[in-house]
Amino acid sequence: MENQKPYPDPDLNIANLSSKLNVGPDYLSSILNGRLNKNFYDFVNHYRVEEFKNLRRNGIDKNITIMGLGWEAGFNSKATFNRVFKKNRGITPGQFIESISR
C-alpha cells in the first residue's frame, strides 16, 4: 500500500487489490479482518485519510479545495470523505486544516 499507492484510485476494490497482490479476495479479506481487525474499506480509507493529510501538509497547491484534496486522495464523494475523516481523526477535514494552519 505504501510503495505502490493504489488507494487514490476511487474504483479500488478488494478484487483489484487482491489481484495486484496475487492472492484471492477471500484470503485478503480474512487477513484484513483477522489480523488488522478492519474491513477492506476501513483499511483503504485509512490510507486515503493519511494521503489527504500529507497532500495538505506538503502544500503542493494551496489553491486546491479541501474536497479537491479528498478526490486526489481517492475519495469519490464529499459525504464519504467527511464521514470517514471524522471517524478516523475525530475532527472534520476543515478542522484539521485549521489546526495545521496555526
PDB file of N, CA and C in Angstrom:
ATOM      1  N   MET A   1       0.836  -1.191   0.000  1.00  0.00           N
ATOM      2  CA  MET A   1       0.000   0.000   0.000  1.00  0.00           C
ATOM      3  C   MET A   1       0.877   1.249   0.000  1.00  0.00           C
ATOM      4  N   GLU A   2       1.934   1.219   0.765  1.00  0.00           N
ATOM      5  CA  GLU A   2       2.775   2.404   0.867  1.00  0.00           C
ATOM      6  C   GLU A   2       3.710   2.564  -0.322  1.00  0.00           C
ATOM      7  N   ASN A   3       4.146   1.468  -0.921  1.00  0.00           N
ATOM      8  CA  ASN A   3       5.064   1.567  -2.055  1.00  0.00           C
ATOM      9  C   ASN A   3       4.343   1.839  -3.370  1.00  0.00           C
ATOM     10  N   GLN A   4       3.302   1.088  -3.658  1.00  0.00           N
ATOM     11  CA  GLN A   4       2.609   1.228  -4.940  1.00  0.00           C
ATOM     12  C   GLN A   4       1.455   2.226  -4.903  1.00  0.00           C
ATOM     13  N   LYS A   5       0.955   2.528  -3.728  1.00  0.00           N
ATOM     14  CA  LYS A   5      -0.111   3.513  -3.514  1.00  0.00           C
ATOM     15  C   LYS A   5      -1.319   3.326  -4.439  1.00  0.00           C
ATOM     16  N   PRO A   6      -2.029   2.212  -4.300  1.00  0.00           N
ATOM     17  CA  PRO A   6      -3.213   2.016  -5.141  1.00  0.00           C
ATOM     18  C   PRO A   6      -4.451   2.760  -4.635  1.00  0.00           C
ATOM     19  N   TYR A   7      -4.422   3.250  -3.400  1.00  0.00           N
ATOM     20  CA  TYR A   7      -5.611   3.810  -2.756  1.00  0.00           C
ATOM     21  C   TYR A   7      -6.164   5.093  -3.381  1.00  0.00           C
ATOM     22  N   PRO A   8      -5.403   5.911  -4.118  1.00  0.00           N
ATOM     23  CA  PRO A   8      -6.049   7.072  -4.746  1.00  0.00           C
ATOM     24  C   PRO A   8      -7.029   6.713  -5.860  1.00  0.00           C
ATOM     25  N   ASP A   9      -7.012   5.478  -6.305  1.00  0.00           N
ATOM     26  CA  ASP A   9      -7.959   5.041  -7.329  1.00  0.00           C
ATOM     27  C   ASP A   9      -9.331   4.885  -6.675  1.00  0.00           C
ATOM     28  N   PRO A  10     -10.298   5.751  -7.032  1.00  0.00           N
ATOM     29  CA  PRO A  10     -11.613   5.664  -6.388  1.00  0.00           C
ATOM     30  C   PRO A  10     -12.363   4.376  -6.712  1.00  0.00           C
ATOM     31  N   ASP A  11     -11.925   3.668  -7.743  1.00  0.00           N
ATOM     32  CA  ASP A  11     -12.568   2.410  -8.118  1.00  0.00           C
ATOM     33  C   ASP A  11     -11.898   1.193  -7.499  1.00  0.00           C
ATOM     34  N   LEU A  12     -10.921   1.421  -6.628  1.00  0.00           N
ATOM     35  CA  LEU A  12     -10.228   0.305  -5.983  1.00  0.00           C
ATOM     36  C   LEU A  12     -11.222  -0.525  -5.186  1.00  0.00           C
ATOM     37  N   ASN A  13     -11.165  -1.823  -5.374  1.00  0.00           N
ATOM     38  CA  ASN A  13     -11.995  -2.726  -4.580  1.00  0.00           C
ATOM     39  C   ASN A  13     -11.148  -3.935  -4.192  1.00  0.00           C
ATOM     40  N   ILE A  14     -11.724  -4.800  -3.412  1.00  0.00           N
ATOM     41  CA  ILE A  14     -10.945  -5.928  -2.887  1.00  0.00           C
ATOM     42  C   ILE A  14     -10.469  -6.853  -4.000  1.00  0.00           C
ATOM     43  N   ALA A  15     -11.245  -6.980  -5.060  1.00  0.00           N
ATOM     44  CA  ALA A  15     -10.835  -7.831  -6.179  1.00  0.00           C
ATOM     45  C   ALA A  15      -9.605  -7.245  -6.878  1.00  0.00           C
ATOM     46  N   ASN A  16      -9.605  -5.910  -7.115  1.00  0.00           N
ATOM     47  CA  ASN A  16      -8.445  -5.272  -7.761  1.00  0.00           C
ATOM     48  C   ASN A  16      -7.187  -5.436  -6.912  1.00  0.00           C
ATOM     49  N   LEU A  17      -7.341  -5.130  -5.624  1.00  0.00           N
ATOM     50  CA  LEU A  17      -6.179  -5.174  -4.743  1.00  0.00           C
ATOM     51  C   LEU A  17      -5.656  -6.590  -4.578  1.00  0.00           C
ATOM     52  N   SER A  18      -6.542  -7.548  -4.416  1.00  0.00           N
ATOM     53  CA  SER A  18      -6.085  -8.926  -4.253  1.00  0.00           C
ATOM     54  C   SER A  18      -5.385  -9.411  -5.522  1.00  0.00           C
ATOM     55  N   SER A  19      -5.853  -8.959  -6.668  1.00  0.00           N
ATOM     56  CA  SER A  19      -5.200  -9.318  -7.926  1.00  0.00           C
ATOM     57  C   SER A  19      -3.783  -8.749  -7.989  1.00  0.00           C
ATOM     58  N   LYS A  20      -3.614  -7.498  -7.557  1.00  0.00           N
ATOM     59  CA  LYS A  20      -2.291  -6.872  -7.537  1.00  0.00           C
ATOM     60  C   LYS A  20      -1.342  -7.611  -6.588  1.00  0.00           C
ATOM     61  N   LEU A  21      -1.913  -8.198  -5.549  1.00  0.00           N
ATOM     62  CA  LEU A  21      -1.108  -8.912  -4.549  1.00  0.00           C
ATOM     63  C   LEU A  21      -0.963 -10.398  -4.858  1.00  0.00           C
ATOM     64  N   ASN A  22      -1.615 -10.843  -5.930  1.00  0.00           N
ATOM     65  CA  ASN A  22      -1.602 -12.262  -6.317  1.00  0.00           C
ATOM     66  C   ASN A  22      -2.147 -13.184  -5.227  1.00  0.00           C
ATOM     67  N   VAL A  23      -3.224 -12.749  -4.596  1.00  0.00           N
ATOM     68  CA  VAL A  23      -3.931 -13.574  -3.615  1.00  0.00           C
ATOM     69  C   VAL A  23      -5.416 -13.496  -3.934  1.00  0.00           C
ATOM     70  N   GLY A  24      -6.179 -14.395  -3.388  1.00  0.00           N
ATOM     71  CA  GLY A  24      -7.618 -14.368  -3.588  1.00  0.00           C
ATOM     72  C   GLY A  24      -8.277 -13.317  -2.715  1.00  0.00           C
ATOM     73  N   PRO A  25      -9.417 -12.787  -3.162  1.00  0.00           N
ATOM     74  CA  PRO A  25     -10.135 -11.784  -2.370  1.00  0.00           C
ATOM     75  C   PRO A  25     -10.547 -12.294  -0.993  1.00  0.00           C
ATOM     76  N   ASP A  26     -10.935 -13.579  -0.902  1.00  0.00           N
ATOM     77  CA  ASP A  26     -11.333 -14.126   0.397  1.00  0.00           C
ATOM     78  C   ASP A  26     -10.144 -14.174   1.352  1.00  0.00           C
ATOM     79  N   TYR A  27      -8.988 -14.524   0.825  1.00  0.00           N
ATOM     80  CA  TYR A  27      -7.777 -14.568   1.652  1.00  0.00           C
ATOM     81  C   TYR A  27      -7.424 -13.164   2.150  1.00  0.00           C
ATOM     82  N   LEU A  28      -7.431 -12.193   1.251  1.00  0.00           N
ATOM     83  CA  LEU A  28      -7.114 -10.818   1.644  1.00  0.00           C
ATOM     84  C   LEU A  28      -8.102 -10.324   2.691  1.00  0.00           C
ATOM     85  N   SER A  29      -9.373 -10.602   2.479  1.00  0.00           N
ATOM     86  CA  SER A  29     -10.392 -10.191   3.440  1.00  0.00           C
ATOM     87  C   SER A  29     -10.159 -10.825   4.801  1.00  0.00           C
ATOM     88  N   SER A  30      -9.790 -12.088   4.827  1.00  0.00           N
ATOM     89  CA  SER A  30      -9.554 -12.759   6.111  1.00  0.00           C
ATOM     90  C   SER A  30      -8.333 -12.184   6.818  1.00  0.00           C
ATOM     91  N   ILE A  31      -7.308 -11.797   6.072  1.00  0.00           N
ATOM     92  CA  ILE A  31      -6.123 -11.167   6.666  1.00  0.00           C
ATOM     93  C   ILE A  31      -6.494  -9.813   7.262  1.00  0.00           C
ATOM     94  N   LEU A  32      -7.206  -9.013   6.499  1.00  0.00           N
ATOM     95  CA  LEU A  32      -7.591  -7.688   6.986  1.00  0.00           C
ATOM     96  C   LEU A  32      -8.470  -7.789   8.228  1.00  0.00           C
ATOM     97  N   ASN A  33      -9.455  -8.673   8.166  1.00  0.00           N
ATOM     98  CA  ASN A  33     -10.369  -8.820   9.307  1.00  0.00           C
ATOM     99  C   ASN A  33      -9.698  -9.482  10.501  1.00  0.00           C
ATOM    100  N   GLY A  34      -8.930 -10.524  10.242  1.00  0.00           N
ATOM    101  CA  GLY A  34      -8.343 -11.297  11.330  1.00  0.00           C
ATOM    102  C   GLY A  34      -7.143 -10.660  11.990  1.00  0.00           C
ATOM    103  N   ARG A  35      -6.248 -10.118  11.187  1.00  0.00           N
ATOM    104  CA  ARG A  35      -5.005  -9.570  11.743  1.00  0.00           C
ATOM    105  C   ARG A  35      -5.080  -8.078  12.031  1.00  0.00           C
ATOM    106  N   LEU A  36      -5.782  -7.341  11.184  1.00  0.00           N
ATOM    107  CA  LEU A  36      -5.850  -5.897  11.367  1.00  0.00           C
ATOM    108  C   LEU A  36      -7.160  -5.434  11.988  1.00  0.00           C
ATOM    109  N   ASN A  37      -8.106  -6.365  12.093  1.00  0.00           N
ATOM    110  CA  ASN A  37      -9.413  -6.057  12.660  1.00  0.00           C
ATOM    111  C   ASN A  37     -10.106  -4.908  11.908  1.00  0.00           C
ATOM    112  N   LYS A  38      -9.931  -4.906  10.583  1.00  0.00           N
ATOM    113  CA  LYS A  38     -10.543  -3.882   9.732  1.00  0.00           C
ATOM    114  C   LYS A  38     -11.156  -4.558   8.510  1.00  0.00           C
ATOM    115  N   ASN A  39     -12.247  -3.983   8.031  1.00  0.00           N
ATOM    116  CA  ASN A  39     -12.753  -4.457   6.755  1.00  0.00           C
ATOM    117  C   ASN A  39     -11.976  -3.755   5.643  1.00  0.00           C
ATOM    118  N   PHE A  40     -12.184  -4.167   4.419  1.00  0.00           N
ATOM    119  CA  PHE A  40     -11.423  -3.631   3.291  1.00  0.00           C
ATOM    120  C   PHE A  40     -11.533  -2.114   3.201  1.00  0.00           C
ATOM    121  N   TYR A  41     -12.751  -1.585   3.294  1.00  0.00           N
ATOM    122  CA  TYR A  41     -12.936  -0.148   3.113  1.00  0.00           C
ATOM    123  C   TYR A  41     -12.329   0.658   4.258  1.00  0.00           C
ATOM    124  N   ASP A  42     -12.393   0.166   5.482  1.00  0.00           N
ATOM    125  CA  ASP A  42     -11.722   0.856   6.587  1.00  0.00           C
ATOM    126  C   ASP A  42     -10.211   0.873   6.365  1.00  0.00           C
ATOM    127  N   PHE A  43      -9.686  -0.235   5.872  1.00  0.00           N
ATOM    128  CA  PHE A  43      -8.260  -0.344   5.585  1.00  0.00           C
ATOM    129  C   PHE A  43      -7.831   0.665   4.523  1.00  0.00           C
ATOM    130  N   VAL A  44      -8.519   0.686   3.405  1.00  0.00           N
ATOM    131  CA  VAL A  44      -8.170   1.593   2.308  1.00  0.00           C
ATOM    132  C   VAL A  44      -8.400   3.044   2.714  1.00  0.00           C
ATOM    133  N   ASN A  45      -9.506   3.318   3.382  1.00  0.00           N
ATOM    134  CA  ASN A  45      -9.814   4.695   3.757  1.00  0.00           C
ATOM    135  C   ASN A  45      -8.824   5.263   4.760  1.00  0.00           C
ATOM    136  N   HIS A  46      -8.222   4.412   5.571  1.00  0.00           N
ATOM    137  CA  HIS A  46      -7.151   4.884   6.463  1.00  0.00           C
ATOM    138  C   HIS A  46      -6.023   5.496   5.623  1.00  0.00           C
ATOM    139  N   TYR A  47      -5.620   4.812   4.573  1.00  0.00           N
ATOM    140  CA  TYR A  47      -4.564   5.323   3.704  1.00  0.00           C
ATOM    141  C   TYR A  47      -5.003   6.583   2.971  1.00  0.00           C
ATOM    142  N   ARG A  48      -6.260   6.663   2.606  1.00  0.00           N
ATOM    143  CA  ARG A  48      -6.767   7.857   1.923  1.00  0.00           C
ATOM    144  C   ARG A  48      -6.752   9.068   2.852  1.00  0.00           C
ATOM    145  N   VAL A  49      -7.129   8.867   4.104  1.00  0.00           N
ATOM    146  CA  VAL A  49      -7.087   9.961   5.073  1.00  0.00           C
ATOM    147  C   VAL A  49      -5.641  10.432   5.257  1.00  0.00           C
ATOM    148  N   GLU A  50      -4.731   9.491   5.387  1.00  0.00           N
ATOM    149  CA  GLU A  50      -3.313   9.862   5.548  1.00  0.00           C
ATOM    150  C   GLU A  50      -2.797  10.582   4.305  1.00  0.00           C
ATOM    151  N   GLU A  51      -3.231  10.156   3.125  1.00  0.00           N
ATOM    152  CA  GLU A  51      -2.822  10.821   1.880  1.00  0.00           C
ATOM    153  C   GLU A  51      -3.350  12.247   1.852  1.00  0.00           C
ATOM    154  N   PHE A  52      -4.602  12.454   2.234  1.00  0.00           N
ATOM    155  CA  PHE A  52      -5.164  13.803   2.310  1.00  0.00           C
ATOM    156  C   PHE A  52      -4.318  14.667   3.236  1.00  0.00           C
ATOM    157  N   LYS A  53      -4.001  14.146   4.407  1.00  0.00           N
ATOM    158  CA  LYS A  53      -3.204  14.914   5.371  1.00  0.00           C
ATOM    159  C   LYS A  53      -1.836  15.263   4.787  1.00  0.00           C
ATOM    160  N   ASN A  54      -1.198  14.308   4.134  1.00  0.00           N
ATOM    161  CA  ASN A  54       0.115  14.564   3.535  1.00  0.00           C
ATOM    162  C   ASN A  54       0.035  15.592   2.415  1.00  0.00           C
ATOM    163  N   LEU A  55      -0.984  15.475   1.568  1.00  0.00           N
ATOM    164  CA  LEU A  55      -1.144  16.446   0.486  1.00  0.00           C
ATOM    165  C   LEU A  55      -1.304  17.853   1.040  1.00  0.00           C
ATOM    166  N   ARG A  56      -2.102  17.982   2.073  1.00  0.00           N
ATOM    167  CA  ARG A  56      -2.338  19.311   2.651  1.00  0.00           C
ATOM    168  C   ARG A  56      -1.104  19.827   3.372  1.00  0.00           C
ATOM    169  N   ARG A  57      -0.452  18.974   4.122  1.00  0.00           N
ATOM    170  CA  ARG A  57       0.746  19.399   4.851  1.00  0.00           C
ATOM    171  C   ARG A  57       1.866  19.800   3.907  1.00  0.00           C
ATOM    172  N   ASN A  58       2.009  19.051   2.817  1.00  0.00           N
ATOM    173  CA  ASN A  58       3.073  19.350   1.866  1.00  0.00           C
ATOM    174  C   ASN A  58       2.778  20.600   1.057  1.00  0.00           C
ATOM    175  N   GLY A  59       1.529  21.025   1.076  1.00  0.00           N
ATOM    176  CA  GLY A  59       1.148  22.277   0.444  1.00  0.00           C
ATOM    177  C   GLY A  59       1.507  22.367  -1.027  1.00  0.00           C
ATOM    178  N   ILE A  60       1.371  21.253  -1.742  1.00  0.00           N
ATOM    179  CA  ILE A  60       1.726  21.231  -3.156  1.00  0.00           C
ATOM    180  C   ILE A  60       0.992  22.354  -3.901  1.00  0.00           C
ATOM    181  N   ASP A  61      -0.273  22.513  -3.641  1.00  0.00           N
ATOM    182  CA  ASP A  61      -1.046  23.592  -4.244  1.00  0.00           C
ATOM    183  C   ASP A  61      -2.100  24.022  -3.242  1.00  0.00           C
ATOM    184  N   LYS A  62      -1.841  25.116  -2.569  1.00  0.00           N
ATOM    185  CA  LYS A  62      -2.759  25.570  -1.519  1.00  0.00           C
ATOM    186  C   LYS A  62      -4.060  26.115  -2.089  1.00  0.00           C
ATOM    187  N   ASN A  63      -4.158  26.240  -3.404  1.00  0.00           N
ATOM    188  CA  ASN A  63      -5.391  26.710  -4.021  1.00  0.00           C
ATOM    189  C   ASN A  63      -6.396  25.599  -4.246  1.00  0.00           C
ATOM    190  N   ILE A  64      -5.988  24.359  -4.056  1.00  0.00           N
ATOM    191  CA  ILE A  64      -6.916  23.239  -4.203  1.00  0.00           C
ATOM    192  C   ILE A  64      -7.841  23.217  -2.990  1.00  0.00           C
ATOM    193  N   THR A  65      -9.116  23.014  -3.236  1.00  0.00           N
ATOM    194  CA  THR A  65     -10.089  22.973  -2.151  1.00  0.00           C
ATOM    195  C   THR A  65      -9.894  21.724  -1.292  1.00  0.00           C
ATOM    196  N   ILE A  66     -10.527  21.733  -0.142  1.00  0.00           N
ATOM    197  CA  ILE A  66     -10.485  20.565   0.737  1.00  0.00           C
ATOM    198  C   ILE A  66     -10.999  19.340  -0.012  1.00  0.00           C
ATOM    199  N   MET A  67     -12.114  19.484  -0.705  1.00  0.00           N
ATOM    200  CA  MET A  67     -12.672  18.338  -1.420  1.00  0.00           C
ATOM    201  C   MET A  67     -11.785  17.947  -2.590  1.00  0.00           C
ATOM    202  N   GLY A  68     -11.141  18.913  -3.220  1.00  0.00           N
ATOM    203  CA  GLY A  68     -10.198  18.599  -4.291  1.00  0.00           C
ATOM    204  C   GLY A  68      -9.081  17.702  -3.785  1.00  0.00           C
ATOM    205  N   LEU A  69      -8.589  17.996  -2.591  1.00  0.00           N
ATOM    206  CA  LEU A  69      -7.565  17.141  -1.976  1.00  0.00           C
ATOM    207  C   LEU A  69      -8.146  15.780  -1.622  1.00  0.00           C
ATOM    208  N   GLY A  70      -9.404  15.769  -1.183  1.00  0.00           N
ATOM    209  CA  GLY A  70     -10.074  14.500  -0.880  1.00  0.00           C
ATOM    210  C   GLY A  70     -10.177  13.627  -2.120  1.00  0.00           C
ATOM    211  N   TRP A  71     -10.497  14.240  -3.256  1.00  0.00           N
ATOM    212  CA  TRP A  71     -10.557  13.481  -4.512  1.00  0.00           C
ATOM    213  C   TRP A  71      -9.178  12.970  -4.897  1.00  0.00           C
ATOM    214  N   GLU A  72      -8.165  13.810  -4.730  1.00  0.00           N
ATOM    215  CA  GLU A  72      -6.785  13.390  -5.032  1.00  0.00           C
ATOM    216  C   GLU A  72      -6.372  12.192  -4.175  1.00  0.00           C
ATOM    217  N   ALA A  73      -6.889  12.138  -2.960  1.00  0.00           N
ATOM    218  CA  ALA A  73      -6.559  11.046  -2.044  1.00  0.00           C
ATOM    219  C   ALA A  73      -7.342   9.769  -2.337  1.00  0.00           C
ATOM    220  N   GLY A  74      -8.371   9.856  -3.189  1.00  0.00           N
ATOM    221  CA  GLY A  74      -9.109   8.660  -3.575  1.00  0.00           C
ATOM    222  C   GLY A  74     -10.572   8.623  -3.176  1.00  0.00           C
ATOM    223  N   PHE A  75     -11.046   9.617  -2.449  1.00  0.00           N
ATOM    224  CA  PHE A  75     -12.466   9.641  -2.095  1.00  0.00           C
ATOM    225  C   PHE A  75     -13.274  10.066  -3.312  1.00  0.00           C
ATOM    226  N   ASN A  76     -14.470   9.503  -3.454  1.00  0.00           N
ATOM    227  CA  ASN A  76     -15.276   9.869  -4.618  1.00  0.00           C
ATOM    228  C   ASN A  76     -16.596  10.522  -4.240  1.00  0.00           C
ATOM    229  N   SER A  77     -16.767  10.842  -2.964  1.00  0.00           N
ATOM    230  CA  SER A  77     -17.950  11.599  -2.553  1.00  0.00           C
ATOM    231  C   SER A  77     -17.607  12.426  -1.318  1.00  0.00           C
ATOM    232  N   LYS A  78     -18.188  13.611  -1.285  1.00  0.00           N
ATOM    233  CA  LYS A  78     -17.941  14.534  -0.177  1.00  0.00           C
ATOM    234  C   LYS A  78     -18.450  13.949   1.143  1.00  0.00           C
ATOM    235  N   ALA A  79     -19.633  13.343   1.092  1.00  0.00           N
ATOM    236  CA  ALA A  79     -20.222  12.778   2.314  1.00  0.00           C
ATOM    237  C   ALA A  79     -19.337  11.668   2.882  1.00  0.00           C
ATOM    238  N   THR A  80     -18.863  10.780   2.022  1.00  0.00           N
ATOM    239  CA  THR A  80     -17.998   9.690   2.481  1.00  0.00           C
ATOM    240  C   THR A  80     -16.688  10.239   3.028  1.00  0.00           C
ATOM    241  N   PHE A  81     -16.097  11.186   2.325  1.00  0.00           N
ATOM    242  CA  PHE A  81     -14.848  11.805   2.762  1.00  0.00           C
ATOM    243  C   PHE A  81     -15.000  12.397   4.158  1.00  0.00           C
ATOM    244  N   ASN A  82     -16.028  13.210   4.356  1.00  0.00           N
ATOM    245  CA  ASN A  82     -16.230  13.845   5.669  1.00  0.00           C
ATOM    246  C   ASN A  82     -16.493  12.817   6.765  1.00  0.00           C
ATOM    247  N   ARG A  83     -17.336  11.838   6.475  1.00  0.00           N
ATOM    248  CA  ARG A  83     -17.674  10.818   7.469  1.00  0.00           C
ATOM    249  C   ARG A  83     -16.446   9.994   7.856  1.00  0.00           C
ATOM    250  N   VAL A  84     -15.700   9.543   6.847  1.00  0.00           N
ATOM    251  CA  VAL A  84     -14.527   8.706   7.099  1.00  0.00           C
ATOM    252  C   VAL A  84     -13.443   9.492   7.819  1.00  0.00           C
ATOM    253  N   PHE A  85     -13.223  10.730   7.409  1.00  0.00           N
ATOM    254  CA  PHE A  85     -12.188  11.542   8.048  1.00  0.00           C
ATOM    255  C   PHE A  85     -12.509  11.742   9.524  1.00  0.00           C
ATOM    256  N   LYS A  86     -13.755  12.099   9.804  1.00  0.00           N
ATOM    257  CA  LYS A  86     -14.147  12.328  11.200  1.00  0.00           C
ATOM    258  C   LYS A  86     -14.054  11.031  12.013  1.00  0.00           C
ATOM    259  N   LYS A  87     -14.423   9.910  11.426  1.00  0.00           N
ATOM    260  CA  LYS A  87     -14.322   8.619  12.109  1.00  0.00           C
ATOM    261  C   LYS A  87     -12.866   8.285  12.430  1.00  0.00           C
ATOM    262  N   ASN A  88     -11.965   8.566  11.491  1.00  0.00           N
ATOM    263  CA  ASN A  88     -10.549   8.240  11.671  1.00  0.00           C
ATOM    264  C   ASN A  88      -9.813   9.222  12.575  1.00  0.00           C
ATOM    265  N   ARG A  89     -10.112  10.512  12.462  1.00  0.00           N
ATOM    266  CA  ARG A  89      -9.338  11.530  13.158  1.00  0.00           C
ATOM    267  C   ARG A  89     -10.084  12.195  14.306  1.00  0.00           C
ATOM    268  N   GLY A  90     -11.394  12.047  14.353  1.00  0.00           N
ATOM    269  CA  GLY A  90     -12.168  12.671  15.428  1.00  0.00           C
ATOM    270  C   GLY A  90     -12.490  14.130  15.177  1.00  0.00           C
ATOM    271  N   ILE A  91     -12.054  14.654  14.032  1.00  0.00           N
ATOM    272  CA  ILE A  91     -12.354  16.028  13.637  1.00  0.00           C
ATOM    273  C   ILE A  91     -12.685  16.033  12.144  1.00  0.00           C
ATOM    274  N   THR A  92     -13.265  17.131  11.682  1.00  0.00           N
ATOM    275  CA  THR A  92     -13.584  17.243  10.264  1.00  0.00           C
ATOM    276  C   THR A  92     -12.330  17.619   9.473  1.00  0.00           C
ATOM    277  N   PRO A  93     -12.346  17.429   8.160  1.00  0.00           N
ATOM    278  CA  PRO A  93     -11.206  17.861   7.351  1.00  0.00           C
ATOM    279  C   PRO A  93     -10.915  19.358   7.506  1.00  0.00           C
ATOM    280  N   GLY A  94     -11.956  20.166   7.582  1.00  0.00           N
ATOM    281  CA  GLY A  94     -11.778  21.606   7.767  1.00  0.00           C
ATOM    282  C   GLY A  94     -11.104  21.926   9.095  1.00  0.00           C
ATOM    283  N   GLN A  95     -11.504  21.232  10.147  1.00  0.00           N
ATOM    284  CA  GLN A  95     -10.875  21.433  11.449  1.00  0.00           C
ATOM    285  C   GLN A  95      -9.410  21.007  11.420  1.00  0.00           C
ATOM    286  N   PHE A  96      -9.120  19.949  10.691  1.00  0.00           N
ATOM    287  CA  PHE A  96      -7.726  19.509  10.552  1.00  0.00           C
ATOM    288  C   PHE A  96      -6.902  20.596   9.887  1.00  0.00           C
ATOM    289  N   ILE A  97      -7.399  21.130   8.788  1.00  0.00           N
ATOM    290  CA  ILE A  97      -6.658  22.159   8.063  1.00  0.00           C
ATOM    291  C   ILE A  97      -6.474  23.400   8.941  1.00  0.00           C
ATOM    292  N   GLU A  98      -7.499  23.740   9.655  1.00  0.00           N
ATOM    293  CA  GLU A  98      -7.388  24.880  10.571  1.00  0.00           C
ATOM    294  C   GLU A  98      -6.323  24.629  11.631  1.00  0.00           C
ATOM    295  N   SER A  99      -6.255  23.404  12.137  1.00  0.00           N
ATOM    296  CA  SER A  99      -5.289  23.094  13.203  1.00  0.00           C
ATOM    297  C   SER A  99      -3.841  23.136  12.708  1.00  0.00           C
ATOM    298  N   ILE A 100      -3.598  22.827  11.428  1.00  0.00           N
ATOM    299  CA  ILE A 100      -2.217  22.870  10.941  1.00  0.00           C
ATOM    300  C   ILE A 100      -1.857  24.230  10.366  1.00  0.00           C
ATOM    301  N   SER A 101      -2.845  25.117  10.239  1.00  0.00           N
ATOM    302  CA  SER A 101      -2.598  26.448   9.687  1.00  0.00           C
ATOM    303  C   SER A 101      -2.203  27.437  10.776  1.00  0.00           C
ATOM    304  N   ARG A 102      -2.294  27.027  12.012  1.00  0.00           N
ATOM    305  CA  ARG A 102      -2.000  27.944  13.122  1.00  0.00           C
ATOM    306  C   ARG A 102      -0.526  28.153  13.288  1.00  0.00           C
TER     307      ARG A 102
END
